């Protein structure tokens, strides 16, 4: 298997510092495919799937039950307190 300089297998996302993902959503941001994940520790992370780099980490939104990536570069977060919209990227 090919590896990248940090020792991770090529194509892998480094998720060693985040909790278990309870919700996943795929979408596009500025023409790039992204993956957003809502974790058991109430943190949301988003990765650019082209570069395999994390583009944001968001915390403080509470429990994440479900996620959606919108066409205008936001993440809709469904939690115990309702739905919250948060901007990702620039």
Protein backbone atom coordinates (compact mmCIF):
# COMPACT_ATOMS: atom_id res chain seq x y z
CA UNK A 1 0.00 0.00 0.00
CA UNK A 2 1.30 3.47 -0.85
CA UNK A 3 1.95 5.85 2.02
CA UNK A 4 2.00 9.62 2.33
CA UNK A 5 4.79 11.46 4.19
CA UNK A 6 3.09 11.33 7.60
CA UNK A 7 2.97 7.54 7.44
CA UNK A 8 -0.78 7.23 6.88
CA UNK A 9 -1.86 4.97 4.00
CA UNK A 10 -2.62 6.97 0.87
CA UNK A 11 -6.28 7.85 0.72
CA UNK A 12 -6.68 7.63 4.50
CA UNK A 13 -8.04 10.43 6.67
CA UNK A 14 -6.28 10.96 9.99
CA UNK A 15 -9.09 10.62 12.51
CA UNK A 16 -6.95 9.60 15.47
CA UNK A 17 -7.80 12.71 17.50
CA UNK A 18 -11.60 12.67 17.16
CA UNK A 19 -14.29 10.50 18.70
CA UNK A 20 -16.47 7.89 17.04
CA UNK A 21 -18.51 9.27 14.13
CA UNK A 22 -22.26 9.11 14.76
CA UNK A 23 -23.27 10.95 11.57
CA UNK A 24 -21.67 11.41 8.13
CA UNK A 25 -22.52 13.68 5.22
CA UNK A 26 -20.93 14.13 1.79
CA UNK A 27 -21.11 17.28 -0.30
CA UNK A 28 -19.19 19.76 -2.41
CA UNK A 29 -17.41 22.93 -1.29
CA UNK A 30 -15.89 25.21 -3.94
CA UNK A 31 -15.90 22.31 -6.40
CA UNK A 32 -14.14 19.89 -4.03
CA UNK A 33 -15.78 16.82 -2.50
CA UNK A 34 -15.98 17.00 1.29
CA UNK A 35 -16.90 14.68 4.12
CA UNK A 36 -18.43 16.04 7.32
CA UNK A 37 -18.57 13.87 10.43
CA UNK A 38 -20.43 14.39 13.69
CA UNK A 39 -18.60 12.68 16.53
CA UNK A 40 -19.67 11.19 19.85
CA UNK A 41 -17.76 13.95 21.67
CA UNK A 42 -20.04 16.66 20.15
CA UNK A 43 -17.39 17.76 17.62
CA UNK A 44 -17.93 18.12 13.87
CA UNK A 45 -15.01 17.72 11.51
CA UNK A 46 -14.90 18.25 7.75
CA UNK A 47 -12.30 16.99 5.29
CA UNK A 48 -11.46 17.89 1.71
CA UNK A 49 -11.51 14.46 0.07
CA UNK A 50 -9.26 15.59 -2.78
CA UNK A 51 -6.37 16.68 -0.55
CA UNK A 52 -7.28 14.36 2.38
CA UNK A 53 -6.84 17.34 4.72
CA UNK A 54 -9.12 18.47 7.51
CA UNK A 55 -10.64 21.83 6.62
CA UNK A 56 -12.47 22.59 9.85
CA UNK A 57 -13.28 21.41 13.34
CA UNK A 58 -16.41 22.76 15.01
CA UNK A 59 -17.39 22.21 18.60
CA UNK A 60 -19.94 23.59 21.00
CA UNK A 61 -23.04 22.64 18.97
CA UNK A 62 -24.04 19.80 21.31
CA UNK A 63 -25.17 16.30 20.43
CA UNK A 64 -25.04 15.51 16.69
CA UNK A 65 -27.82 13.19 15.51
CA UNK A 66 -27.58 13.87 11.77
CA UNK A 67 -25.74 16.09 9.28
CA UNK A 68 -26.24 17.48 5.79
CA UNK A 69 -23.90 19.55 3.61
CA UNK A 70 -25.74 22.31 1.75
CA UNK A 71 -24.92 23.61 -1.73
CA UNK A 72 -23.86 26.98 -0.28
CA UNK A 73 -21.09 25.54 1.92
CA UNK A 74 -22.85 25.08 5.22
CA UNK A 75 -23.47 22.09 7.44
CA UNK A 76 -26.97 21.50 8.79
CA UNK A 77 -26.65 19.85 12.19
CA UNK A 78 -29.66 18.06 13.68
CA UNK A 79 -29.28 17.63 17.41
CA UNK A 80 -31.32 17.29 20.55
CA UNK A 81 -32.03 21.05 20.49
CA UNK A 82 -33.19 21.23 16.85
CA UNK A 83 -31.35 22.13 13.64
CA UNK A 84 -28.38 24.50 13.51
CA UNK A 85 -26.67 25.80 10.36
CA UNK A 86 -22.95 26.50 10.48
CA UNK A 87 -20.61 27.80 7.77
CA UNK A 88 -17.61 25.78 6.59
CA UNK A 89 -14.73 26.97 4.50
CA UNK A 90 -14.18 30.61 3.62
